[in-house]
C-alpha atoms as a PDB file:
ATOM      1  CA  MET A   1       9.833  20.883  -1.950  1.00  0.00           C
ATOM      2  CA  ILE A   2       8.409  18.150  -4.174  1.00  0.00           C
ATOM      3  CA  PRO A   3      10.994  16.739  -6.586  1.00  0.00           C
ATOM      4  CA  VAL A   4      10.136  17.030 -10.254  1.00  0.00           C
ATOM      5  CA  GLN A   5       9.968  13.668 -11.940  1.00  0.00           C
ATOM      6  CA  TYR A   6      11.410  13.131 -15.368  1.00  0.00           C
ATOM      7  CA  ARG A   7       8.692  13.072 -18.011  1.00  0.00           C
ATOM      8  CA  PRO A   8       9.918  11.594 -21.266  1.00  0.00           C
ATOM      9  CA  ARG A   9       8.458  12.875 -24.520  1.00  0.00           C
ATOM     10  CA  HIS A  10       7.648   9.525 -26.018  1.00  0.00           C
ATOM     11  CA  ASN A  11       4.498   8.188 -27.607  1.00  0.00           C
ATOM     12  CA  PRO A  12       1.772   6.994 -25.215  1.00  0.00           C
ATOM     13  CA  GLY A  13       2.219   3.308 -24.441  1.00  0.00           C
ATOM     14  CA  CYS A  14       5.936   3.368 -25.200  1.00  0.00           C
ATOM     15  CA  THR A  15       7.739   0.458 -23.506  1.00  0.00           C
ATOM     16  CA  CYS A  16      11.311   1.701 -23.717  1.00  0.00           C
ATOM     17  CA  VAL A  17      13.524   1.476 -20.641  1.00  0.00           C
ATOM     18  CA  VAL A  18      13.121   5.169 -19.778  1.00  0.00           C
ATOM     19  CA  CYS A  19       9.322   5.086 -19.943  1.00  0.00           C
ATOM     20  CA  TRP A  20       9.109   1.760 -18.098  1.00  0.00           C
ATOM     21  CA  THR A  21      11.383   3.025 -15.312  1.00  0.00           C
ATOM     22  CA  ASN A  22       9.361   6.221 -14.986  1.00  0.00           C
ATOM     23  CA  ASP A  23       6.084   4.271 -14.785  1.00  0.00           C
ATOM     24  CA  PHE A  24       7.586   1.830 -12.287  1.00  0.00           C
ATOM     25  CA  HIS A  25       8.871   4.645 -10.061  1.00  0.00           C
ATOM     26  CA  ARG A  26       5.489   6.404 -10.145  1.00  0.00           C
ATOM     27  CA  GLU A  27       3.635   3.191  -9.234  1.00  0.00           C
ATOM     28  CA  MET A  28       6.003   2.356  -6.363  1.00  0.00           C
ATOM     29  CA  THR A  29       5.737   5.918  -5.050  1.00  0.00           C
ATOM     30  CA  LEU A  30       1.931   5.707  -5.032  1.00  0.00           C
ATOM     31  CA  ARG A  31       2.045   2.342  -3.236  1.00  0.00           C
ATOM     32  CA  ASN A  32       4.457   3.710  -0.654  1.00  0.00           C
ATOM     33  CA  GLU A  33       2.261   6.741  -0.011  1.00  0.00           C
ATOM     34  CA  SER A  34      -0.859   4.614   0.407  1.00  0.00           C
ATOM     35  CA  ARG A  35       1.048   2.233   2.711  1.00  0.00           C
ATOM     36  CA  ALA A  36       2.228   5.173   4.824  1.00  0.00           C
ATOM     37  CA  THR A  37      -1.331   6.507   5.046  1.00  0.00           C
ATOM     38  CA  ARG A  38      -2.635   3.097   6.155  1.00  0.00           C
ATOM     39  CA  CYS A  39       0.117   2.781   8.777  1.00  0.00           C
ATOM     40  CA  CYS A  40      -0.770   6.198  10.180  1.00  0.00           C
ATOM     41  CA  GLN A  41      -4.435   5.160  10.392  1.00  0.00           C
ATOM     42  CA  ILE A  42      -3.526   1.958  12.218  1.00  0.00           C
ATOM     43  CA  LEU A  43      -1.223   3.739  14.641  1.00  0.00           C
ATOM     44  CA  ALA A  44      -3.776   6.479  15.330  1.00  0.00           C
ATOM     45  CA  ASN A  45      -6.594   4.058  16.115  1.00  0.00           C
ATOM     46  CA  PRO A  46      -5.635   0.379  15.926  1.00  0.00           C
ATOM     47  CA  GLU A  47      -8.957  -0.956  17.241  1.00  0.00           C
ATOM     48  CA  ALA A  48     -10.973   0.729  14.510  1.00  0.00           C
ATOM     49  CA  ALA A  49      -8.459   0.151  11.705  1.00  0.00           C
ATOM     50  CA  LEU A  50      -7.823  -3.554  12.210  1.00  0.00           C
ATOM     51  CA  PRO A  51     -10.487  -6.230  11.883  1.00  0.00           C
ATOM     52  CA  VAL A  52     -11.533  -7.994  15.051  1.00  0.00           C
ATOM     53  CA  GLN A  53      -9.735 -11.307  15.421  1.00  0.00           C
ATOM     54  CA  SER A  54     -11.149 -13.893  17.719  1.00  0.00           C
ATOM     55  CA  ASN A  55      -8.949 -15.762  20.116  1.00  0.00           C
ATOM     56  CA  PHE A  56      -7.934 -19.255  18.951  1.00  0.00           C
ATOM     57  CA  PHE A  57      -8.431 -20.734  22.419  1.00  0.00           C
ATOM     58  CA  MET A  58     -11.923 -19.256  22.664  1.00  0.00           C
ATOM     59  CA  GLN A  59     -12.785 -21.024  19.413  1.00  0.00           C
ATOM     60  CA  LEU A  60     -11.509 -24.292  20.835  1.00  0.00           C
ATOM     61  CA  ASP A  61     -13.657 -23.844  23.928  1.00  0.00           C
ATOM     62  CA  GLU A  62     -16.733 -23.220  21.784  1.00  0.00           C
ATOM     63  CA  VAL A  63     -16.066 -26.343  19.708  1.00  0.00           C
ATOM     64  CA  SER A  64     -15.504 -28.533  22.761  1.00  0.00           C
ATOM     65  CA  GLN A  65     -18.861 -27.594  24.348  1.00  0.00           C
END
């Protein structure tokens, strides 16, 4: 069951504490959901999800030659 969030009946753009807290909670919830989705993608297929990082020692070998 999805919890119902409090929706204040204030004017659009209101910056009172209740409206600010509601906006802050909504933004943090969206960030958390997107972070969880990204983590699931990385865990499901880490090679495709993460960029390829070259080995530091291989770079040193290339520079020394």
